Amino acid sequence: MNKEFLHNPWVVLDEQTVYENNWIKVIHHDVINPSGKNGIYGQVHFKNIAIAIVPVDKDMNTYLVGQYRFPTESYSWEVPEGGCPFNEKPLDAAKRELEEETGLVAQHWQHLGNTHLSNSVSDELGQIFLASDLSQHKAMPEETEQLTVQKLPLIEAFNMVNKGTITDSLSVIALQRVELLLLKGNLKLS
């Protein structure tokens, strides 16, 4: 790769935290932009890694989680997801989130990659996992989660992405990665 592309052309003159809670920090930056002019840049720093899990059973079914999302004021179907504190291993967080939201425990796990979810304004990193060899246990959602769990054929979840029924970016990316593995004959479930 050309070294020119690896150089950061932004110069930070000053930064201030304008808002912070347990999950995010919003930072205002005074900058010199790549053209050499003074400017501003707002950044949302996430205090957790976003974790997405695509559970697939032996019959090629998956499980989606439905919930009302406050920021978009709409109901959303998603793969099981959650946050991973930086002091927790992402695989451990994936196992915890899958069981909390669906009651599923998986014996086989595969890391499918990382993604930046909105890199023009945020540093949020997402990690995607495939979970298989599933057994059902009791779900234990957090108090802020009012969830509906839906078991459906994996192909139907792919179709929900293609039709725009699933719009959550991490879910779309996760399901499309699994679909690509399936199409290439590289989907390993155990």
C-alpha atoms as a PDB file:
ATOM      1  CA  MET A   1       0.000   0.000   0.000  1.00  0.00           C
ATOM      2  CA  ASN A   2       1.193   3.508  -0.806  1.00  0.00           C
ATOM      3  CA  LYS A   3       2.723   5.130   2.315  1.00  0.00           C
ATOM      4  CA  GLU A   4       0.991   8.395   1.393  1.00  0.00           C
ATOM      5  CA  PHE A   5      -2.344   6.805   2.358  1.00  0.00           C
ATOM      6  CA  LEU A   6      -1.041   5.783   5.789  1.00  0.00           C
ATOM      7  CA  HIS A   7      -0.162   9.356   6.818  1.00  0.00           C
ATOM      8  CA  ASN A   8      -2.766  11.170   8.948  1.00  0.00           C
ATOM      9  CA  PRO A   9      -3.420  14.525   7.199  1.00  0.00           C
ATOM     10  CA  TRP A  10      -5.479  15.903  10.130  1.00  0.00           C
ATOM     11  CA  VAL A  11      -3.862  18.103  12.805  1.00  0.00           C
ATOM     12  CA  VAL A  12      -5.688  18.353  16.136  1.00  0.00           C
ATOM     13  CA  LEU A  13      -5.313  21.803  17.704  1.00  0.00           C
ATOM     14  CA  ASP A  14      -7.633  21.271  20.661  1.00  0.00           C
ATOM     15  CA  GLU A  15     -10.193  18.775  21.899  1.00  0.00           C
ATOM     16  CA  GLN A  16     -12.947  18.938  24.485  1.00  0.00           C
ATOM     17  CA  THR A  17     -15.293  16.312  25.846  1.00  0.00           C
ATOM     18  CA  VAL A  18     -18.783  17.790  25.404  1.00  0.00           C
ATOM     19  CA  TYR A  19     -20.762  14.817  26.711  1.00  0.00           C
ATOM     20  CA  GLU A  20     -19.981  11.503  28.390  1.00  0.00           C
ATOM     21  CA  ASN A  21     -21.854   8.561  29.909  1.00  0.00           C
ATOM     22  CA  ASN A  22     -21.065   4.903  30.631  1.00  0.00           C
ATOM     23  CA  TRP A  23     -21.195   3.935  26.940  1.00  0.00           C
ATOM     24  CA  ILE A  24     -20.006   6.881  24.843  1.00  0.00           C
ATOM     25  CA  LYS A  25     -17.982  10.058  24.917  1.00  0.00           C
ATOM     26  CA  VAL A  26     -18.615  12.908  22.457  1.00  0.00           C
ATOM     27  CA  ILE A  27     -15.502  14.914  21.612  1.00  0.00           C
ATOM     28  CA  HIS A  28     -15.284  18.295  19.834  1.00  0.00           C
ATOM     29  CA  HIS A  29     -12.009  18.771  17.944  1.00  0.00           C
ATOM     30  CA  ASP A  30     -10.572  22.007  16.569  1.00  0.00           C
ATOM     31  CA  VAL A  31      -8.470  20.847  13.621  1.00  0.00           C
ATOM     32  CA  ILE A  32      -6.487  21.763  10.582  1.00  0.00           C
ATOM     33  CA  ASN A  33      -8.125  19.702   7.848  1.00  0.00           C
ATOM     34  CA  PRO A  34      -6.303  17.905   5.001  1.00  0.00           C
ATOM     35  CA  SER A  35      -6.516  21.028   2.788  1.00  0.00           C
ATOM     36  CA  GLY A  36      -4.664  23.055   5.448  1.00  0.00           C
ATOM     37  CA  LYS A  37      -7.670  25.067   6.643  1.00  0.00           C
ATOM     38  CA  ASN A  38      -8.995  25.426  10.182  1.00  0.00           C
ATOM     39  CA  GLY A  39     -12.074  23.362  10.917  1.00  0.00           C
ATOM     40  CA  ILE A  40     -13.965  21.309  13.450  1.00  0.00           C
ATOM     41  CA  TYR A  41     -14.662  17.618  13.810  1.00  0.00           C
ATOM     42  CA  GLY A  42     -17.088  15.853  16.127  1.00  0.00           C
ATOM     43  CA  GLN A  43     -16.277  12.324  17.210  1.00  0.00           C
ATOM     44  CA  VAL A  44     -18.287   9.758  19.141  1.00  0.00           C
ATOM     45  CA  HIS A  45     -15.965   7.467  21.100  1.00  0.00           C
ATOM     46  CA  PHE A  46     -17.473   4.130  22.100  1.00  0.00           C
ATOM     47  CA  LYS A  47     -16.429   2.581  25.402  1.00  0.00           C
ATOM     48  CA  ASN A  48     -17.235  -0.969  24.282  1.00  0.00           C
ATOM     49  CA  ILE A  49     -16.667  -3.169  21.270  1.00  0.00           C
ATOM     50  CA  ALA A  50     -19.898  -4.058  19.445  1.00  0.00           C
ATOM     51  CA  ILE A  51     -20.406  -7.813  19.265  1.00  0.00           C
ATOM     52  CA  ALA A  52     -22.680  -9.608  16.785  1.00  0.00           C
ATOM     53  CA  ILE A  53     -23.446 -13.308  16.754  1.00  0.00           C
ATOM     54  CA  VAL A  54     -25.057 -15.327  13.967  1.00  0.00           C
ATOM     55  CA  PRO A  55     -26.265 -18.541  15.616  1.00  0.00           C
ATOM     56  CA  VAL A  56     -26.904 -21.406  13.198  1.00  0.00           C
ATOM     57  CA  ASP A  57     -28.364 -24.761  14.259  1.00  0.00           C
ATOM     58  CA  LYS A  58     -27.928 -28.165  12.615  1.00  0.00           C
ATOM     59  CA  ASP A  59     -31.044 -27.594  10.481  1.00  0.00           C
ATOM     60  CA  MET A  60     -29.670 -24.281   9.095  1.00  0.00           C
ATOM     61  CA  ASN A  61     -31.982 -22.127  11.209  1.00  0.00           C
ATOM     62  CA  THR A  62     -30.868 -18.920  12.858  1.00  0.00           C
ATOM     63  CA  TYR A  63     -32.268 -16.767  15.646  1.00  0.00           C
ATOM     64  CA  LEU A  64     -33.076 -13.073  15.383  1.00  0.00           C
ATOM     65  CA  VAL A  65     -33.792 -10.673  18.200  1.00  0.00           C
ATOM     66  CA  GLY A  66     -36.479  -8.032  17.805  1.00  0.00           C
ATOM     67  CA  GLN A  67     -36.640  -4.873  19.872  1.00  0.00           C
ATOM     68  CA  TYR A  68     -37.718  -1.263  19.725  1.00  0.00           C
ATOM     69  CA  ARG A  69     -34.699   0.998  19.167  1.00  0.00           C
ATOM     70  CA  PHE A  70     -34.911   4.359  20.920  1.00  0.00           C
ATOM     71  CA  PRO A  71     -32.620   6.371  18.553  1.00  0.00           C
ATOM     72  CA  THR A  72     -34.452   5.363  15.359  1.00  0.00           C
ATOM     73  CA  GLU A  73     -37.912   5.233  16.956  1.00  0.00           C
ATOM     74  CA  SER A  74     -38.581   1.944  15.200  1.00  0.00           C
ATOM     75  CA  TYR A  75     -38.752  -1.802  15.780  1.00  0.00           C
ATOM     76  CA  SER A  76     -35.622  -3.617  14.642  1.00  0.00           C
ATOM     77  CA  TRP A  77     -34.846  -7.249  13.822  1.00  0.00           C
ATOM     78  CA  GLU A  78     -31.199  -8.028  14.489  1.00  0.00           C
ATOM     79  CA  VAL A  79     -28.796 -10.849  15.139  1.00  0.00           C
ATOM     80  CA  PRO A  80     -28.000 -11.191  18.848  1.00  0.00           C
ATOM     81  CA  GLU A  81     -25.731  -8.271  19.735  1.00  0.00           C
ATOM     82  CA  GLY A  82     -24.176  -6.572  22.681  1.00  0.00           C
ATOM     83  CA  GLY A  83     -21.267  -4.664  24.089  1.00  0.00           C
ATOM     84  CA  CYS A  84     -17.856  -5.963  25.064  1.00  0.00           C
ATOM     85  CA  PRO A  85     -15.973  -3.880  27.625  1.00  0.00           C
ATOM     86  CA  PHE A  86     -12.335  -3.396  26.629  1.00  0.00           C
ATOM     87  CA  ASN A  87     -11.215  -5.527  29.598  1.00  0.00           C
ATOM     88  CA  GLU A  88     -13.276  -8.525  28.402  1.00  0.00           C
ATOM     89  CA  LYS A  89     -12.329 -10.948  25.640  1.00  0.00           C
ATOM     90  CA  PRO A  90     -14.670 -10.514  22.641  1.00  0.00           C
ATOM     91  CA  LEU A  91     -15.409 -14.258  22.466  1.00  0.00           C
ATOM     92  CA  ASP A  92     -16.417 -14.264  26.139  1.00  0.00           C
ATOM     93  CA  ALA A  93     -18.713 -11.299  25.489  1.00  0.00           C
ATOM     94  CA  ALA A  94     -20.223 -13.065  22.463  1.00  0.00           C
ATOM     95  CA  LYS A  95     -20.976 -16.161  24.545  1.00  0.00           C
ATOM     96  CA  ARG A  96     -22.523 -14.032  27.299  1.00  0.00           C
ATOM     97  CA  GLU A  97     -24.648 -11.953  24.909  1.00  0.00           C
ATOM     98  CA  LEU A  98     -25.937 -14.977  22.986  1.00  0.00           C
ATOM     99  CA  GLU A  99     -27.114 -16.686  26.156  1.00  0.00           C
ATOM    100  CA  GLU A 100     -28.503 -13.489  27.731  1.00  0.00           C
ATOM    101  CA  GLU A 101     -30.581 -12.544  24.690  1.00  0.00           C
ATOM    102  CA  THR A 102     -31.664 -15.938  23.335  1.00  0.00           C
ATOM    103  CA  GLY A 103     -30.861 -18.556  25.968  1.00  0.00           C
ATOM    104  CA  LEU A 104     -28.636 -20.314  23.431  1.00  0.00           C
ATOM    105  CA  VAL A 105     -25.272 -21.841  24.326  1.00  0.00           C
ATOM    106  CA  ALA A 106     -22.931 -22.754  21.460  1.00  0.00           C
ATOM    107  CA  GLN A 107     -20.154 -25.335  21.503  1.00  0.00           C
ATOM    108  CA  HIS A 108     -18.492 -24.108  18.296  1.00  0.00           C
ATOM    109  CA  TRP A 109     -17.431 -20.507  17.621  1.00  0.00           C
ATOM    110  CA  GLN A 110     -15.829 -18.869  14.609  1.00  0.00           C
ATOM    111  CA  HIS A 111     -14.648 -15.252  14.425  1.00  0.00           C
ATOM    112  CA  LEU A 112     -15.820 -13.804  11.093  1.00  0.00           C
ATOM    113  CA  GLY A 113     -14.013 -10.483  11.221  1.00  0.00           C
ATOM    114  CA  ASN A 114     -14.131  -6.879  12.354  1.00  0.00           C
ATOM    115  CA  THR A 115     -15.915  -3.831  11.021  1.00  0.00           C
ATOM    116  CA  HIS A 116     -16.067  -0.104  11.742  1.00  0.00           C
ATOM    117  CA  LEU A 117     -19.730   0.820  11.972  1.00  0.00           C
ATOM    118  CA  SER A 118     -19.807   4.536  11.189  1.00  0.00           C
ATOM    119  CA  ASN A 119     -16.221   5.634  10.723  1.00  0.00           C
ATOM    120  CA  SER A 120     -17.036   9.167   9.579  1.00  0.00           C
ATOM    121  CA  VAL A 121     -18.186  10.150  13.089  1.00  0.00           C
ATOM    122  CA  SER A 122     -17.345   7.281  15.424  1.00  0.00           C
ATOM    123  CA  ASP A 123     -14.576   4.891  16.376  1.00  0.00           C
ATOM    124  CA  GLU A 124     -17.017   2.048  17.097  1.00  0.00           C
ATOM    125  CA  LEU A 125     -15.491  -1.320  16.293  1.00  0.00           C
ATOM    126  CA  GLY A 126     -17.673  -4.361  15.695  1.00  0.00           C
ATOM    127  CA  GLN A 127     -16.638  -8.007  15.889  1.00  0.00           C
ATOM    128  CA  ILE A 128     -18.704 -10.737  14.249  1.00  0.00           C
ATOM    129  CA  PHE A 129     -18.997 -14.360  15.341  1.00  0.00           C
ATOM    130  CA  LEU A 130     -20.674 -17.477  13.994  1.00  0.00           C
ATOM    131  CA  ALA A 131     -22.044 -19.790  16.702  1.00  0.00           C
ATOM    132  CA  SER A 132     -23.092 -23.400  16.095  1.00  0.00           C
ATOM    133  CA  ASP A 133     -23.736 -26.706  17.880  1.00  0.00           C
ATOM    134  CA  LEU A 134     -26.456 -24.961  19.882  1.00  0.00           C
ATOM    135  CA  SER A 135     -28.365 -25.965  23.005  1.00  0.00           C
ATOM    136  CA  GLN A 136     -31.302 -24.081  24.498  1.00  0.00           C
ATOM    137  CA  HIS A 137     -31.155 -22.638  28.012  1.00  0.00           C
ATOM    138  CA  LYS A 138     -32.954 -19.784  29.772  1.00  0.00           C
ATOM    139  CA  ALA A 139     -32.610 -16.276  28.307  1.00  0.00           C
ATOM    140  CA  MET A 140     -31.694 -13.499  30.756  1.00  0.00           C
ATOM    141  CA  PRO A 141     -32.036 -10.155  28.961  1.00  0.00           C
ATOM    142  CA  GLU A 142     -30.946  -6.949  30.679  1.00  0.00           C
ATOM    143  CA  GLU A 143     -33.619  -4.795  32.300  1.00  0.00           C
ATOM    144  CA  THR A 144     -33.478  -2.304  29.421  1.00  0.00           C
ATOM    145  CA  GLU A 145     -34.163  -5.016  26.840  1.00  0.00           C
ATOM    146  CA  GLN A 146     -37.696  -6.036  25.869  1.00  0.00           C
ATOM    147  CA  LEU A 147     -36.814  -8.713  23.331  1.00  0.00           C
ATOM    148  CA  THR A 148     -38.655 -11.030  20.973  1.00  0.00           C
ATOM    149  CA  VAL A 149     -36.630 -14.019  19.764  1.00  0.00           C
ATOM    150  CA  GLN A 150     -37.533 -15.497  16.389  1.00  0.00           C
ATOM    151  CA  LYS A 151     -36.190 -18.804  15.043  1.00  0.00           C
ATOM    152  CA  LEU A 152     -36.237 -18.956  11.246  1.00  0.00           C
ATOM    153  CA  PRO A 153     -34.407 -20.558   8.329  1.00  0.00           C
ATOM    154  CA  LEU A 154     -31.076 -18.867   7.701  1.00  0.00           C
ATOM    155  CA  ILE A 155     -32.100 -18.185   4.092  1.00  0.00           C
ATOM    156  CA  GLU A 156     -35.079 -16.150   5.371  1.00  0.00           C
ATOM    157  CA  ALA A 157     -32.721 -13.955   7.399  1.00  0.00           C
ATOM    158  CA  PHE A 158     -30.647 -13.395   4.233  1.00  0.00           C
ATOM    159  CA  ASN A 159     -33.854 -12.429   2.414  1.00  0.00           C
ATOM    160  CA  MET A 160     -34.766  -9.993   5.219  1.00  0.00           C
ATOM    161  CA  VAL A 161     -31.418  -8.247   4.625  1.00  0.00           C
ATOM    162  CA  ASN A 162     -31.961  -8.158   0.859  1.00  0.00           C
ATOM    163  CA  LYS A 163     -35.511  -6.784   1.243  1.00  0.00           C
ATOM    164  CA  GLY A 164     -34.383  -4.102   3.711  1.00  0.00           C
ATOM    165  CA  THR A 165     -36.333  -5.560   6.635  1.00  0.00           C
ATOM    166  CA  ILE A 166     -33.092  -5.890   8.604  1.00  0.00           C
ATOM    167  CA  THR A 167     -31.352  -2.502   8.573  1.00  0.00           C
ATOM    168  CA  ASP A 168     -29.065  -2.687  11.616  1.00  0.00           C
ATOM    169  CA  SER A 169     -25.609  -2.335  10.064  1.00  0.00           C
ATOM    170  CA  LEU A 170     -23.861  -4.911  12.239  1.00  0.00           C
ATOM    171  CA  SER A 171     -26.615  -7.468  11.533  1.00  0.00           C
ATOM    172  CA  VAL A 172     -26.510  -6.769   7.794  1.00  0.00           C
ATOM    173  CA  ILE A 173     -22.730  -7.194   7.671  1.00  0.00           C
ATOM    174  CA  ALA A 174     -22.804 -10.332   9.844  1.00  0.00           C
ATOM    175  CA  LEU A 175     -25.537 -12.041   7.820  1.00  0.00           C
ATOM    176  CA  GLN A 176     -23.943 -11.126   4.495  1.00  0.00           C
ATOM    177  CA  ARG A 177     -20.602 -12.563   5.655  1.00  0.00           C
ATOM    178  CA  VAL A 178     -22.341 -15.821   6.596  1.00  0.00           C
ATOM    179  CA  GLU A 179     -24.210 -15.865   3.273  1.00  0.00           C
ATOM    180  CA  LEU A 180     -20.942 -15.373   1.393  1.00  0.00           C
ATOM    181  CA  LEU A 181     -19.322 -18.239   3.307  1.00  0.00           C
ATOM    182  CA  LEU A 182     -22.312 -20.427   2.462  1.00  0.00           C
ATOM    183  CA  LEU A 183     -22.214 -19.479  -1.230  1.00  0.00           C
ATOM    184  CA  LYS A 184     -18.485 -20.247  -1.414  1.00  0.00           C
ATOM    185  CA  GLY A 185     -18.961 -23.577   0.372  1.00  0.00           C
ATOM    186  CA  ASN A 186     -16.873 -22.420   3.341  1.00  0.00           C
ATOM    187  CA  LEU A 187     -19.532 -22.377   6.076  1.00  0.00           C
ATOM    188  CA  LYS A 188     -18.270 -24.630   8.887  1.00  0.00           C
ATOM    189  CA  LEU A 189     -20.796 -25.338  11.646  1.00  0.00           C
ATOM    190  CA  SER A 190     -18.679 -27.556  13.896  1.00  0.00           C
END
